[in-house]
Amino acid sequence: MTTATAPSSTPLTAVDRCDRCGAQAYLRVSLQGGGELLFCAHHAREHGDKLREIAAYVHDETDKLADTPAIAPEDEH
């Protein structure tokens, strides 16, 4: 008996860690054969093309790294 599960679309958090190096994960790859892999932005870029070939679903949050940080108020300098 085969049971299919829906790909996880829950947001990645600081608790989710890269399976290669342990850094914060920004990419979740659901594999066609089941299971999933998590990658930091660095390893997502390094292995991205191959991962997309074997993935059933890719949840990519690397765009979070491009967000401009808030500017601290004058009194916090």
Protein backbone atom coordinates (compact mmCIF):
# COMPACT_ATOMS: atom_id res chain seq x y z
CA MET A 1 0.00 0.00 0.00
CA THR A 2 1.34 3.43 -0.96
CA THR A 3 0.35 6.56 0.90
CA ALA A 4 1.00 9.96 -0.64
CA THR A 5 1.57 12.97 1.53
CA ALA A 6 1.10 16.57 0.51
CA PRO A 7 4.27 18.65 0.33
CA SER A 8 4.86 20.77 3.40
CA SER A 9 4.21 24.44 2.74
CA THR A 10 4.69 25.54 6.34
CA PRO A 11 7.23 28.34 6.61
CA LEU A 12 10.76 27.40 7.53
CA THR A 13 11.95 28.69 10.91
CA ALA A 14 15.28 29.17 12.66
CA VAL A 15 14.84 25.66 14.08
CA ASP A 16 15.03 24.15 10.56
CA ARG A 17 18.68 23.39 9.83
CA CYS A 18 20.62 22.57 6.65
CA ASP A 19 21.23 18.84 6.21
CA ARG A 20 24.74 19.58 4.87
CA CYS A 21 26.19 22.06 7.37
CA GLY A 22 23.67 22.82 10.12
CA ALA A 23 23.09 26.47 9.16
CA GLN A 24 19.55 27.86 9.05
CA ALA A 25 17.58 26.25 6.21
CA TYR A 26 15.91 28.35 3.54
CA LEU A 27 15.05 25.57 1.05
CA ARG A 28 12.91 22.46 1.62
CA VAL A 29 13.00 19.77 -1.08
CA SER A 30 10.30 17.09 -1.02
CA LEU A 31 11.67 14.06 -2.85
CA GLN A 32 9.70 12.03 -5.38
CA GLY A 33 10.41 8.84 -3.45
CA GLY A 34 9.32 10.39 -0.15
CA GLY A 35 11.12 12.30 2.53
CA GLU A 36 12.54 15.78 2.41
CA LEU A 37 15.85 17.59 2.56
CA LEU A 38 16.63 21.01 4.02
CA PHE A 39 19.38 23.33 2.78
CA CYS A 40 20.87 26.69 3.69
CA ALA A 41 21.04 29.29 0.90
CA HIS A 42 24.68 28.43 0.14
CA HIS A 43 24.05 24.71 -0.36
CA ALA A 44 20.74 25.42 -2.14
CA ARG A 45 22.70 27.42 -4.73
CA GLU A 46 25.47 24.83 -4.92
CA HIS A 47 23.14 21.86 -5.46
CA GLY A 48 20.00 23.62 -6.74
CA ASP A 49 19.98 22.33 -10.32
CA LYS A 50 20.38 18.69 -9.28
CA LEU A 51 17.85 19.05 -6.45
CA ARG A 52 15.20 20.40 -8.81
CA GLU A 53 15.74 17.36 -11.07
CA ILE A 54 14.90 14.92 -8.27
CA ALA A 55 12.33 17.00 -6.39
CA ALA A 56 8.60 16.49 -6.33
CA TYR A 57 8.22 19.92 -4.72
CA VAL A 58 10.60 22.75 -3.75
CA HIS A 59 9.75 25.29 -1.05
CA ASP A 60 12.24 28.17 -1.49
CA GLU A 61 12.53 30.97 1.07
CA THR A 62 15.97 32.26 0.05
CA ASP A 63 14.33 35.58 -0.86
CA LYS A 64 14.12 36.29 2.90
CA LEU A 65 17.86 36.92 2.80
CA ALA A 66 17.40 39.87 0.42
CA ASP A 67 15.12 41.79 2.79
CA THR A 68 16.55 45.13 3.87
CA PRO A 69 16.99 45.27 7.64
CA ALA A 70 15.23 47.99 9.59
CA ILE A 71 17.30 51.03 10.48
CA ALA A 72 17.92 51.49 14.20
CA PRO A 73 16.54 54.67 15.80
CA GLU A 74 19.06 57.47 16.43
CA ASP A 75 19.21 56.78 20.18
CA GLU A 76 20.42 53.18 19.60
CA HIS A 77 23.68 54.13 17.88
